[in-house]
Amino acid sequence: MAKGYNRPRPAKGGGMMAQFQQMQEQMAQAQAELADETVTATVGGGAISVTMSGDQVCKSVEILPELLEDADVEMLQDLITSGVNAALDQSRQLANDKMSPFTDMLGGLGL
């Protein structure tokens, strides 16, 4: 047998696995931070405000009482829908901004 034939070889990719584990931990931390961050969208000249968390959970909907005095149900429904959609868009953008370093890194690895 050749000299050193049975010598243990260093594990390949050990550094890569440690990097993936670290990235997983950082992603989990970023996701937890998103749950604590909020965005607020206002529509109808401030008549309706919708607050959404960074993980797309609606936290509150505020309606100015004056808007209810002229109770036009269809208008109210449209404003609420617009407010929720605007808050969701802002929340998604916040999540995208927070998670893009990870998705860019994974994309560069072909994942």
N, C-alpha and C. Protein backbone atom coordinates (compact mmCIF):
# COMPACT_ATOMS: atom_id res chain seq x y z
N MET A 1 0.83 -1.18 0.00
CA MET A 1 0.00 0.00 0.00
C MET A 1 0.87 1.24 0.00
N ALA A 2 0.34 2.29 -0.58
CA ALA A 2 1.08 3.55 -0.64
C ALA A 2 1.09 4.19 0.73
N LYS A 3 2.17 4.86 1.00
CA LYS A 3 2.33 5.54 2.28
C LYS A 3 1.22 6.59 2.46
N GLY A 4 0.54 6.57 3.62
CA GLY A 4 -0.50 7.55 3.91
C GLY A 4 -1.83 7.24 3.26
N TYR A 5 -1.98 6.05 2.70
CA TYR A 5 -3.20 5.70 1.98
C TYR A 5 -4.45 5.78 2.87
N ASN A 6 -4.37 5.34 4.11
CA ASN A 6 -5.53 5.32 5.00
C ASN A 6 -5.64 6.58 5.85
N ARG A 7 -4.90 7.57 5.52
CA ARG A 7 -4.93 8.81 6.29
C ARG A 7 -6.31 9.46 6.15
N PRO A 8 -6.88 9.90 7.27
CA PRO A 8 -8.19 10.58 7.18
C PRO A 8 -8.08 11.86 6.37
N ARG A 9 -9.06 12.08 5.57
CA ARG A 9 -9.08 13.27 4.72
C ARG A 9 -10.01 14.30 5.34
N PRO A 10 -9.66 15.57 5.19
CA PRO A 10 -10.54 16.60 5.73
C PRO A 10 -11.89 16.59 4.99
N ALA A 11 -12.92 16.85 5.75
CA ALA A 11 -14.26 16.87 5.16
C ALA A 11 -14.38 18.06 4.21
N LYS A 12 -14.90 17.78 3.04
CA LYS A 12 -15.09 18.84 2.06
C LYS A 12 -16.42 19.53 2.34
N GLY A 13 -16.46 20.83 2.15
CA GLY A 13 -17.70 21.57 2.30
C GLY A 13 -18.06 21.88 3.74
N GLY A 14 -17.19 21.56 4.69
CA GLY A 14 -17.48 21.84 6.09
C GLY A 14 -17.70 23.32 6.33
N GLY A 15 -16.89 24.14 5.69
CA GLY A 15 -17.05 25.59 5.82
C GLY A 15 -18.34 26.07 5.19
N MET A 16 -18.72 25.44 4.10
CA MET A 16 -19.95 25.81 3.40
C MET A 16 -21.17 25.50 4.27
N MET A 17 -21.15 24.36 4.94
CA MET A 17 -22.28 24.00 5.80
C MET A 17 -22.40 24.98 6.98
N ALA A 18 -21.27 25.38 7.53
CA ALA A 18 -21.29 26.34 8.63
C ALA A 18 -21.86 27.67 8.14
N GLN A 19 -21.51 28.06 6.92
CA GLN A 19 -22.05 29.31 6.36
C GLN A 19 -23.55 29.21 6.15
N PHE A 20 -24.03 28.06 5.66
CA PHE A 20 -25.47 27.88 5.47
C PHE A 20 -26.20 27.93 6.81
N GLN A 21 -25.63 27.30 7.82
CA GLN A 21 -26.26 27.31 9.14
C GLN A 21 -26.32 28.74 9.69
N GLN A 22 -25.24 29.48 9.52
CA GLN A 22 -25.22 30.87 9.97
C GLN A 22 -26.25 31.70 9.21
N MET A 23 -26.36 31.46 7.91
CA MET A 23 -27.33 32.19 7.11
C MET A 23 -28.75 31.84 7.54
N GLN A 24 -29.00 30.57 7.88
CA GLN A 24 -30.32 30.16 8.36
C GLN A 24 -30.67 30.90 9.64
N GLU A 25 -29.72 31.00 10.54
CA GLU A 25 -29.95 31.70 11.80
C GLU A 25 -30.23 33.18 11.55
N GLN A 26 -29.50 33.78 10.62
CA GLN A 26 -29.71 35.19 10.31
C GLN A 26 -31.07 35.40 9.66
N MET A 27 -31.49 34.47 8.80
CA MET A 27 -32.80 34.57 8.17
C MET A 27 -33.91 34.46 9.21
N ALA A 28 -33.76 33.55 10.15
CA ALA A 28 -34.76 33.38 11.20
C ALA A 28 -34.86 34.66 12.03
N GLN A 29 -33.71 35.27 12.32
CA GLN A 29 -33.69 36.52 13.08
C GLN A 29 -34.39 37.63 12.30
N ALA A 30 -34.11 37.71 11.00
CA ALA A 30 -34.73 38.74 10.16
C ALA A 30 -36.25 38.54 10.10
N GLN A 31 -36.70 37.30 10.02
CA GLN A 31 -38.13 37.02 10.00
C GLN A 31 -38.78 37.39 11.32
N ALA A 32 -38.10 37.13 12.42
CA ALA A 32 -38.64 37.51 13.73
C ALA A 32 -38.74 39.03 13.84
N GLU A 33 -37.74 39.74 13.31
CA GLU A 33 -37.77 41.20 13.34
C GLU A 33 -38.91 41.73 12.50
N LEU A 34 -39.20 41.08 11.37
CA LEU A 34 -40.31 41.50 10.51
C LEU A 34 -41.63 41.45 11.26
N ALA A 35 -41.81 40.46 12.10
CA ALA A 35 -43.06 40.32 12.85
C ALA A 35 -43.26 41.49 13.80
N ASP A 36 -42.15 42.12 14.23
CA ASP A 36 -42.23 43.24 15.16
C ASP A 36 -42.34 44.60 14.47
N GLU A 37 -41.97 44.66 13.20
CA GLU A 37 -42.03 45.93 12.47
C GLU A 37 -43.41 46.12 11.85
N THR A 38 -43.84 47.38 11.75
CA THR A 38 -45.15 47.66 11.16
C THR A 38 -45.04 48.76 10.11
N VAL A 39 -46.02 48.76 9.22
CA VAL A 39 -46.21 49.82 8.24
C VAL A 39 -47.66 50.26 8.35
N THR A 40 -47.92 51.52 8.03
CA THR A 40 -49.28 52.03 8.07
C THR A 40 -49.58 52.73 6.74
N ALA A 41 -50.68 52.32 6.14
CA ALA A 41 -51.14 52.94 4.91
C ALA A 41 -52.41 53.72 5.21
N THR A 42 -52.49 54.92 4.66
CA THR A 42 -53.71 55.72 4.82
C THR A 42 -54.31 55.97 3.45
N VAL A 43 -55.62 55.95 3.39
CA VAL A 43 -56.34 56.21 2.14
C VAL A 43 -57.49 57.15 2.44
N GLY A 44 -58.08 57.67 1.38
CA GLY A 44 -59.24 58.56 1.53
C GLY A 44 -58.88 59.84 2.26
N GLY A 45 -57.69 60.36 1.98
CA GLY A 45 -57.28 61.60 2.63
C GLY A 45 -57.08 61.44 4.13
N GLY A 46 -56.70 60.25 4.55
CA GLY A 46 -56.47 59.98 5.97
C GLY A 46 -57.71 59.47 6.69
N ALA A 47 -58.79 59.22 5.93
CA ALA A 47 -60.03 58.75 6.56
C ALA A 47 -59.89 57.33 7.10
N ILE A 48 -59.04 56.53 6.45
CA ILE A 48 -58.83 55.15 6.89
C ILE A 48 -57.33 54.89 6.96
N SER A 49 -56.91 54.29 8.07
CA SER A 49 -55.51 53.88 8.25
C SER A 49 -55.48 52.40 8.57
N VAL A 50 -54.61 51.69 7.86
CA VAL A 50 -54.45 50.26 8.09
C VAL A 50 -53.00 50.02 8.49
N THR A 51 -52.81 49.35 9.62
CA THR A 51 -51.47 49.01 10.10
C THR A 51 -51.26 47.52 9.94
N MET A 52 -50.13 47.19 9.32
CA MET A 52 -49.81 45.80 8.99
C MET A 52 -48.40 45.51 9.50
N SER A 53 -48.19 44.29 9.97
CA SER A 53 -46.85 43.90 10.40
C SER A 53 -46.02 43.50 9.18
N GLY A 54 -44.73 43.38 9.39
CA GLY A 54 -43.83 42.99 8.31
C GLY A 54 -44.05 41.57 7.83
N ASP A 55 -44.75 40.76 8.64
CA ASP A 55 -45.07 39.40 8.20
C ASP A 55 -46.53 39.29 7.75
N GLN A 56 -47.07 40.40 7.27
CA GLN A 56 -48.39 40.50 6.65
C GLN A 56 -49.55 40.11 7.56
N VAL A 57 -49.49 40.56 8.81
CA VAL A 57 -50.62 40.39 9.73
C VAL A 57 -51.23 41.76 9.96
N CYS A 58 -52.53 41.88 9.70
CA CYS A 58 -53.21 43.15 9.90
C CYS A 58 -53.33 43.41 11.40
N LYS A 59 -52.76 44.52 11.85
CA LYS A 59 -52.76 44.85 13.28
C LYS A 59 -53.92 45.75 13.66
N SER A 60 -54.29 46.67 12.76
CA SER A 60 -55.42 47.54 13.09
C SER A 60 -55.96 48.22 11.84
N VAL A 61 -57.23 48.60 11.94
CA VAL A 61 -57.90 49.41 10.92
C VAL A 61 -58.57 50.54 11.68
N GLU A 62 -58.22 51.77 11.33
CA GLU A 62 -58.82 52.93 11.98
C GLU A 62 -59.64 53.70 10.96
N ILE A 63 -60.85 54.06 11.36
CA ILE A 63 -61.76 54.80 10.48
C ILE A 63 -62.16 56.07 11.21
N LEU A 64 -62.00 57.21 10.54
CA LEU A 64 -62.43 58.47 11.14
C LEU A 64 -63.95 58.44 11.33
N PRO A 65 -64.43 58.81 12.48
CA PRO A 65 -65.88 58.79 12.74
C PRO A 65 -66.67 59.65 11.75
N GLU A 66 -66.06 60.74 11.28
CA GLU A 66 -66.77 61.61 10.32
C GLU A 66 -67.13 60.86 9.04
N LEU A 67 -66.33 59.87 8.67
CA LEU A 67 -66.60 59.11 7.46
C LEU A 67 -67.90 58.32 7.60
N LEU A 68 -68.21 57.91 8.81
CA LEU A 68 -69.40 57.10 9.04
C LEU A 68 -70.68 57.94 9.07
N GLU A 69 -70.55 59.24 9.23
CA GLU A 69 -71.73 60.11 9.24
C GLU A 69 -72.42 60.12 7.89
N ASP A 70 -71.64 60.04 6.82
CA ASP A 70 -72.19 60.01 5.47
C ASP A 70 -72.23 58.58 4.95
N ALA A 71 -72.53 57.65 5.77
CA ALA A 71 -72.46 56.21 5.54
C ALA A 71 -72.81 55.75 4.12
N ASP A 72 -71.82 55.80 3.26
CA ASP A 72 -71.93 55.21 1.93
C ASP A 72 -71.16 53.88 2.01
N VAL A 73 -71.90 52.79 2.12
CA VAL A 73 -71.31 51.48 2.38
C VAL A 73 -70.31 51.09 1.30
N GLU A 74 -70.67 51.29 0.05
CA GLU A 74 -69.76 50.90 -1.04
C GLU A 74 -68.46 51.68 -0.98
N MET A 75 -68.54 52.99 -0.70
CA MET A 75 -67.34 53.79 -0.60
C MET A 75 -66.47 53.31 0.56
N LEU A 76 -67.10 53.02 1.69
CA LEU A 76 -66.38 52.54 2.86
C LEU A 76 -65.68 51.21 2.55
N GLN A 77 -66.39 50.32 1.90
CA GLN A 77 -65.80 49.04 1.53
C GLN A 77 -64.62 49.22 0.59
N ASP A 78 -64.77 50.10 -0.39
CA ASP A 78 -63.67 50.36 -1.33
C ASP A 78 -62.46 50.96 -0.62
N LEU A 79 -62.70 51.89 0.30
CA LEU A 79 -61.60 52.50 1.03
C LEU A 79 -60.87 51.49 1.91
N ILE A 80 -61.63 50.64 2.57
CA ILE A 80 -61.01 49.62 3.42
C ILE A 80 -60.19 48.66 2.56
N THR A 81 -60.76 48.23 1.45
CA THR A 81 -60.04 47.33 0.54
C THR A 81 -58.75 47.99 0.04
N SER A 82 -58.85 49.25 -0.36
CA SER A 82 -57.67 49.97 -0.84
C SER A 82 -56.62 50.10 0.25
N GLY A 83 -57.07 50.40 1.46
CA GLY A 83 -56.14 50.54 2.59
C GLY A 83 -55.43 49.24 2.92
N VAL A 84 -56.18 48.15 2.93
CA VAL A 84 -55.56 46.85 3.23
C VAL A 84 -54.57 46.48 2.13
N ASN A 85 -54.94 46.69 0.88
CA ASN A 85 -54.03 46.36 -0.22
C ASN A 85 -52.77 47.23 -0.19
N ALA A 86 -52.92 48.51 0.12
CA ALA A 86 -51.76 49.40 0.21
C ALA A 86 -50.85 48.98 1.36
N ALA A 87 -51.44 48.62 2.49
CA ALA A 87 -50.64 48.17 3.64
C ALA A 87 -49.93 46.85 3.32
N LEU A 88 -50.61 45.96 2.62
CA LEU A 88 -49.97 44.71 2.22
C LEU A 88 -48.80 44.96 1.28
N ASP A 89 -48.97 45.88 0.33
CA ASP A 89 -47.87 46.22 -0.58
C ASP A 89 -46.67 46.75 0.19
N GLN A 90 -46.93 47.64 1.15
CA GLN A 90 -45.83 48.19 1.95
C GLN A 90 -45.17 47.11 2.80
N SER A 91 -45.98 46.22 3.35
CA SER A 91 -45.46 45.14 4.17
C SER A 91 -44.61 44.19 3.35
N ARG A 92 -45.06 43.87 2.16
CA ARG A 92 -44.28 42.99 1.27
C ARG A 92 -42.95 43.65 0.88
N GLN A 93 -43.00 44.96 0.63
CA GLN A 93 -41.77 45.67 0.28
C GLN A 93 -40.79 45.66 1.46
N LEU A 94 -41.32 45.86 2.67
CA LEU A 94 -40.48 45.80 3.87
C LEU A 94 -39.84 44.42 3.99
N ALA A 95 -40.64 43.37 3.79
CA ALA A 95 -40.12 42.00 3.88
C ALA A 95 -39.09 41.75 2.79
N ASN A 96 -39.36 42.24 1.59
CA ASN A 96 -38.42 42.07 0.49
C ASN A 96 -37.09 42.77 0.80
N ASP A 97 -37.17 43.98 1.31
CA ASP A 97 -35.96 44.73 1.66
C ASP A 97 -35.15 44.00 2.73
N LYS A 98 -35.86 43.43 3.70
CA LYS A 98 -35.20 42.77 4.83
C LYS A 98 -34.60 41.42 4.42
N MET A 99 -35.27 40.73 3.51
CA MET A 99 -34.84 39.38 3.15
C MET A 99 -34.00 39.32 1.87
N SER A 100 -33.91 40.42 1.13
CA SER A 100 -33.19 40.38 -0.14
C SER A 100 -31.72 39.98 -0.02
N PRO A 101 -31.00 40.34 1.04
CA PRO A 101 -29.62 39.85 1.11
C PRO A 101 -29.54 38.33 1.09
N PHE A 102 -30.51 37.67 1.68
CA PHE A 102 -30.50 36.21 1.73
C PHE A 102 -30.93 35.61 0.40
N THR A 103 -31.98 36.18 -0.19
CA THR A 103 -32.45 35.64 -1.46
C THR A 103 -31.43 35.90 -2.57
N ASP A 104 -30.74 37.04 -2.50
CA ASP A 104 -29.68 37.31 -3.48
C ASP A 104 -28.54 36.31 -3.33
N MET A 105 -28.19 36.00 -2.10
CA MET A 105 -27.11 35.07 -1.83
C MET A 105 -27.49 33.66 -2.33
N LEU A 106 -28.71 33.25 -2.04
CA LEU A 106 -29.15 31.92 -2.47
C LEU A 106 -29.27 31.86 -3.99
N GLY A 107 -29.74 32.94 -4.58
CA GLY A 107 -29.84 32.98 -6.04
C GLY A 107 -28.49 32.85 -6.70
N GLY A 108 -27.48 33.46 -6.09
CA GLY A 108 -26.13 33.38 -6.62
C GLY A 108 -25.56 31.98 -6.53
N LEU A 109 -26.13 31.17 -5.63
CA LEU A 109 -25.67 29.79 -5.49
C LEU A 109 -26.48 28.85 -6.37
N GLY A 110 -27.44 29.40 -7.11
CA GLY A 110 -28.26 28.57 -7.99
C GLY A 110 -29.41 27.88 -7.27
N LEU A 111 -29.76 28.37 -6.08
CA LEU A 111 -30.86 27.76 -5.33
C LEU A 111 -32.13 28.56 -5.51
